[in-house]
Protein backbone atom coordinates (compact mmCIF):
# COMPACT_ATOMS: atom_id res chain seq x y z
CA MET A 1 -23.18 8.48 1.03
CA LYS A 2 -23.67 11.65 3.76
CA LYS A 3 -20.89 13.93 5.43
CA LYS A 4 -22.19 12.58 8.92
CA GLU A 5 -21.31 8.54 7.67
CA VAL A 6 -17.85 9.73 6.65
CA GLU A 7 -17.29 11.53 9.99
CA ASN A 8 -17.98 8.03 11.00
CA ILE A 9 -15.80 6.38 9.36
CA ILE A 10 -13.21 8.45 10.52
CA LYS A 11 -13.93 8.64 13.82
CA THR A 12 -13.60 4.34 13.54
CA ILE A 13 -10.32 4.19 11.50
CA PHE A 14 -9.06 6.54 14.21
CA ASP A 15 -9.97 4.60 16.95
CA SER A 16 -8.32 1.68 15.30
CA LEU A 17 -5.22 4.04 14.70
CA LYS A 18 -5.35 4.55 18.63
CA LYS A 19 -4.72 0.95 19.47
CA LEU A 20 -2.73 -0.03 16.58
CA LEU A 21 -0.16 2.94 17.61
CA HIS A 22 0.19 1.73 20.94
CA GLN A 23 0.84 -2.12 19.92
CA VAL A 24 3.46 -0.81 17.29
CA ASP A 25 5.40 1.37 19.45
CA ARG A 26 5.26 -1.81 22.10
CA GLY A 27 6.87 -4.26 19.97
CA TYR A 28 7.43 -3.36 16.36
CA LYS A 29 5.94 -6.35 15.33
CA LYS A 30 5.13 -7.16 11.41
CA LYS A 31 1.77 -8.11 12.05
CA ASP A 32 1.13 -4.71 14.13
CA ILE A 33 2.73 -2.45 11.28
CA HIS A 34 0.78 -4.32 8.73
CA ASN A 35 -2.28 -3.73 10.39
CA PHE A 36 -1.49 0.34 11.13
CA ARG A 37 -0.81 0.65 7.53
CA ILE A 38 -4.00 -1.24 6.09
CA GLU A 39 -5.78 1.34 8.38
CA ILE A 40 -3.97 4.24 6.76
CA LYS A 41 -4.84 3.06 3.53
CA LYS A 42 -8.06 2.53 4.22
CA LEU A 43 -8.21 6.61 5.53
CA LYS A 44 -6.53 7.58 2.35
CA ALA A 45 -9.08 5.77 -0.06
CA LEU A 46 -11.70 7.68 2.09
CA LEU A 47 -9.99 11.14 1.60
CA ALA A 48 -9.44 10.10 -2.46
CA PHE A 49 -13.27 9.22 -2.73
CA ALA A 50 -14.15 12.54 -0.69
CA ASN A 51 -11.40 14.87 -2.97
CA SER A 52 -13.03 13.16 -6.21
CA GLY A 53 -13.77 15.98 -8.82
CA GLU A 54 -11.98 18.30 -6.46
CA GLU A 55 -8.91 20.68 -7.62
CA LYS A 56 -5.69 19.46 -6.24
CA GLN A 57 -5.23 22.20 -4.08
CA ALA A 58 -8.39 21.98 -2.14
CA TRP A 59 -7.66 18.17 -1.25
CA ILE A 60 -8.43 16.69 2.34
CA LYS A 61 -5.10 15.07 3.48
CA ILE A 62 -4.25 12.84 6.42
CA PRO A 63 -2.24 14.97 8.75
CA GLY A 64 1.20 15.65 8.52
CA GLN A 65 2.46 13.79 11.49
CA LEU A 66 0.58 10.78 10.59
CA GLN A 67 1.96 10.50 7.35
CA SER A 68 5.36 11.02 8.79
CA ILE A 69 4.68 7.70 10.56
CA TYR A 70 3.09 5.82 7.71
CA SER A 71 6.25 6.67 5.94
CA THR A 72 8.45 5.61 8.73
CA SER A 73 6.48 2.29 9.03
CA GLY A 74 7.05 1.84 5.90
CA LYS A 75 10.85 1.69 5.66
CA ILE A 76 10.52 -1.02 8.52
CA ARG A 77 8.12 -2.94 6.52
CA GLU A 78 10.26 -2.81 3.75
CA LEU A 79 13.06 -4.12 6.08
CA GLN A 80 11.07 -6.73 7.38
CA ILE A 81 10.03 -7.69 3.94
CA LEU A 82 13.58 -8.41 2.95
CA GLU A 83 14.54 -10.39 6.02
CA GLU A 84 11.98 -12.55 5.74
CA LYS A 85 12.94 -13.57 1.82
CA LEU A 86 16.31 -14.03 3.03
CA LYS A 87 15.24 -16.10 5.98
CA LYS A 88 13.09 -18.55 3.75
CA ALA A 89 16.12 -18.32 1.46
CA GLY A 90 18.03 -20.21 4.10
CA THR A 91 20.79 -18.39 5.96
CA GLY A 92 22.98 -21.41 6.86
CA ASN A 93 26.42 -20.73 7.50
CA ASN A 94 26.61 -18.46 4.69
CA ASP A 95 28.56 -15.14 5.54
CA ALA A 96 27.11 -13.48 3.18
CA PHE A 97 23.24 -13.57 4.27
CA LYS A 98 24.77 -13.26 8.27
CA ARG A 99 26.68 -9.89 7.75
CA SER A 100 23.35 -9.15 5.47
CA MET A 101 21.02 -10.09 8.40
CA HIS A 102 23.39 -8.37 10.61
CA GLN A 103 22.99 -4.70 8.70
CA LEU A 104 19.18 -5.58 8.83
CA LYS A 105 18.71 -5.48 12.32
CA ILE A 106 21.13 -1.91 12.71
CA ASN A 107 19.01 -0.48 10.09
CA LYS A 108 15.64 -1.41 11.66
CA LYS A 109 16.81 -0.54 15.15
CA ALA A 110 17.71 3.31 13.41
CA TYR A 111 14.00 3.52 11.88
CA LYS A 112 12.46 2.21 15.20
CA LYS A 113 14.03 4.80 17.01
CA LYS A 114 12.95 7.72 14.85
CA LEU A 115 9.43 5.89 15.02
CA HIS A 116 8.99 5.82 18.29
CA THR A 117 9.76 9.50 18.33
CA ARG A 118 7.06 10.22 16.07
CA ILE A 119 4.15 8.21 17.58
CA LYS A 120 4.98 9.98 21.22
CA LYS A 121 5.07 13.36 19.18
CA PHE A 122 1.19 12.74 17.44
CA ASN A 123 -2.03 13.01 19.28
CA PRO A 124 -4.55 10.90 17.39
CA ARG A 125 -7.60 12.54 18.88
CA ASP A 126 -5.97 16.29 17.61
CA GLY A 127 -5.61 14.66 14.37
CA GLU A 128 -8.72 13.40 14.00
CA LYS A 129 -10.65 16.55 15.13
CA LYS A 130 -8.67 18.46 12.54
CA LEU A 131 -9.13 16.17 9.71
CA ILE A 132 -12.84 16.09 10.28
CA SER A 133 -12.85 19.82 10.61
CA GLU A 134 -11.31 20.20 7.36
CA PHE A 135 -13.59 17.41 5.65
CA HIS A 136 -16.74 19.57 7.02
CA ALA A 137 -15.33 22.78 5.80
CA SER A 138 -14.69 21.07 2.01
CA ASN A 139 -16.88 21.09 -0.86
CA SER A 140 -16.77 17.45 -1.20
CA SER A 141 -19.95 16.18 -3.34
CA LEU A 142 -18.88 12.40 -2.41
CA ASN A 143 -19.98 11.37 -6.34
CA THR A 144 -19.80 7.73 -6.11
CA GLY A 145 -20.43 7.97 -9.94
CA ARG A 146 -17.35 10.03 -10.55
CA PHE A 147 -15.37 8.16 -8.10
CA PHE A 148 -15.64 5.18 -9.54
CA ASN A 149 -15.14 6.44 -13.37
CA GLU A 150 -11.93 8.23 -12.44
CA LYS A 151 -10.49 5.10 -11.17
CA ASN A 152 -11.55 2.87 -13.47
CA LYS A 153 -9.98 4.78 -16.23
CA LEU A 154 -6.76 5.18 -14.13
CA ILE A 155 -6.28 1.53 -13.67
CA TYR A 156 -7.30 0.88 -17.02
CA SER A 157 -5.01 3.09 -18.42
CA ILE A 158 -2.09 1.50 -16.57
CA LEU A 159 -2.93 -2.33 -16.79
CA THR A 160 -3.38 -2.16 -20.26
CA ALA A 161 -0.42 -0.33 -21.15
CA ARG A 162 2.22 -1.83 -23.40
CA HIS A 163 4.84 -0.62 -21.22
CA ALA A 164 3.75 0.21 -18.09
CA SER A 165 6.77 0.42 -15.67
CA GLU A 166 6.97 -1.11 -12.23
CA GLN A 167 5.78 2.10 -10.41
CA ASP A 168 3.09 2.69 -12.53
CA LEU A 169 1.93 -1.02 -11.58
CA HIS A 170 2.04 -0.30 -7.90
CA SER A 171 0.00 2.87 -8.88
CA ALA A 172 -2.61 0.58 -10.27
CA ARG A 173 -2.93 -1.67 -6.69
CA LYS A 174 -3.20 1.49 -4.73
CA ASN A 175 -6.01 2.75 -6.94
CA ILE A 176 -7.70 -0.89 -7.06
CA LYS A 177 -7.36 -1.13 -3.27
CA ASP A 178 -9.00 2.57 -3.03
CA LEU A 179 -11.42 0.94 -5.12
CA MET A 180 -12.12 -1.80 -2.89
CA TYR A 181 -12.13 0.21 0.36
CA VAL A 182 -14.71 2.32 -0.51
CA MET A 183 -17.02 -0.10 -2.06
CA GLU A 184 -17.04 -1.56 1.53
CA PHE A 185 -17.55 1.05 3.09
CA LEU A 186 -20.43 1.96 1.21
CA ASN A 187 -21.75 -1.50 1.54
CA GLN A 188 -21.46 -0.62 5.22
CA TYR A 189 -24.42 2.06 4.80
CA ASN A 190 -25.78 0.33 1.97
CA GLU A 191 -25.05 2.83 -0.34
CA LEU A 192 -23.63 1.37 -3.32
CA PRO A 193 -25.43 1.66 -6.56
CA SER A 194 -27.02 -1.46 -8.10
CA GLY A 195 -25.60 -0.37 -11.38
CA THR A 196 -21.36 0.70 -10.21
CA LYS A 197 -19.37 -0.90 -12.58
CA ILE A 198 -16.30 -2.22 -10.93
CA LEU A 199 -13.08 -1.85 -12.56
CA LEU A 200 -13.34 -3.38 -16.28
CA GLN A 201 -16.39 -5.12 -14.99
CA THR A 202 -14.26 -7.74 -13.06
CA PRO A 203 -15.63 -9.63 -10.03
CA ALA A 204 -14.28 -8.83 -6.70
CA ASP A 205 -12.49 -11.88 -6.05
CA GLU A 206 -10.56 -11.52 -9.53
CA LEU A 207 -9.86 -8.01 -8.29
CA GLU A 208 -8.16 -9.14 -5.13
CA ASN A 209 -6.26 -11.81 -7.05
CA ILE A 210 -4.97 -9.33 -9.65
CA ALA A 211 -4.21 -6.47 -6.07
CA GLY A 212 -2.75 -10.11 -4.40
CA GLN A 213 -0.34 -10.45 -7.59
CA LEU A 214 0.86 -6.90 -7.70
CA GLY A 215 1.57 -6.80 -4.44
CA ILE A 216 4.05 -9.87 -4.22
CA LEU A 217 5.09 -8.31 -7.64
CA ASN A 218 5.79 -5.19 -5.21
CA ASP A 219 7.35 -6.66 -2.14
CA LEU A 220 9.90 -8.50 -5.09
CA ARG A 221 11.02 -4.66 -6.22
CA ILE A 222 11.53 -3.75 -2.60
CA SER A 223 13.77 -6.86 -1.63
CA ILE A 224 15.71 -6.52 -4.74
CA SER A 225 16.16 -2.56 -4.35
CA GLU A 226 17.07 -2.86 -0.61
CA LEU A 227 19.43 -5.77 -0.92
CA LYS A 228 21.52 -3.68 -4.00
CA THR A 229 21.10 0.07 -2.15
CA THR A 230 21.07 -0.37 1.59
CA HIS A 231 23.10 -3.57 1.94
CA LEU A 232 25.63 -4.60 -0.68
CA HIS A 233 28.11 -1.72 -0.23
CA ASN A 234 28.15 -2.63 3.58
CA ILE A 235 29.24 -6.31 3.20
CA SER A 236 32.50 -7.51 1.49
CA ARG A 237 32.82 -7.62 -2.22
CA LYS A 238 33.03 -11.55 -2.03
CA ASP A 239 29.92 -11.95 0.14
CA ALA A 240 28.13 -9.25 -1.97
CA LYS A 241 28.91 -11.57 -4.86
CA LYS A 242 26.82 -14.64 -3.23
CA LEU A 243 24.18 -12.21 -2.66
CA GLN A 244 23.74 -11.60 -6.33
CA SER A 245 22.45 -15.14 -7.26
CA LEU A 246 19.48 -14.79 -4.88
CA LYS A 247 19.21 -11.04 -6.46
CA LYS A 248 19.02 -12.96 -10.03
CA LYS A 249 16.26 -15.33 -8.93
CA TRP A 250 14.14 -12.82 -7.66
CA LYS A 251 14.25 -11.48 -10.70
CA VAL A 252 13.08 -14.28 -12.30
CA GLU A 253 10.51 -14.63 -10.29
CA LYS A 254 8.92 -10.76 -10.99
CA LYS A 255 9.04 -11.58 -14.65
CA VAL A 256 7.32 -14.74 -14.43
CA ILE A 257 4.40 -12.85 -12.12
CA LEU A 258 4.58 -9.78 -14.64
CA LYS A 259 3.88 -12.01 -17.38
CA HIS A 260 1.30 -13.66 -15.61
CA LEU A 261 -0.39 -10.47 -14.69
CA ARG A 262 -0.25 -9.41 -18.27
CA ASP A 263 -1.95 -12.25 -19.94
CA THR A 264 -4.68 -12.06 -16.98
CA LEU A 265 -5.33 -8.61 -18.14
CA LYS A 266 -5.46 -9.05 -21.77
CA ILE A 267 -8.33 -11.75 -21.05
CA ILE A 268 -10.05 -9.55 -18.86
CA SER A 269 -9.40 -6.67 -21.38
CA VAL A 270 -10.98 -8.44 -23.99
CA GLU A 271 -13.71 -9.76 -21.73
CA SER A 272 -14.95 -5.95 -21.04
CA HIS A 273 -14.87 -4.70 -24.63
CA LYS A 274 -17.03 -7.91 -25.33
CA ILE A 275 -19.73 -7.00 -22.60
CA SER A 276 -19.75 -3.40 -23.55
């Protein structure tokens, strides 16, 4: 891929970001925040591709203000995930659920205010120009083979580890997404080498399924963490106890998904070794 093509992709992403930032700030809807975060993840994947093989101190990074917006939107997204899971569990007349939902609204309001301030301070066009300038000033070689090999080794080492932590699995998901987004960019310019090896020689749809399962796992992790750290101490001990059963249920769901994932990955690993 040529540097001009990467520049065009950066411009396209920032065009989308400009519209999405306006939509997010207008209503903080779950869909708008989700779409905004996808564009940032695509941008990060593109920069990971550009940074492949470079020393860490020379890496090109997204503008600091944009990263702050992304991080704050992530906190709102986490609270939205918990809110959605609580609603699915059914609130009824249970005071524990009602109090927790009320606390969620208070916390979301605080983060929305912070996000609004950060969006207003950020100029997308300035961010775009700065990033493009840094990219052209870099020594990026845009080596497709090296990028795929680096990602494959990293993901393989995590997914085949006997005791991969939840954070490790989350990292694996992010790297799988990096691969998929960069494949999308390369296909856009018909520059994906025919012999490019995807993770463990896994079909794209299976890779998407793995990423999806890791996403569900991460949502459960977030919900359990948020319910514990942000909400249980804000409600009565009696109400908190009522929510413990829901937390236990989510932990069981998490174990089931983890087992399914590890079983799937064992099969993929065996098949990969057969091919190689």
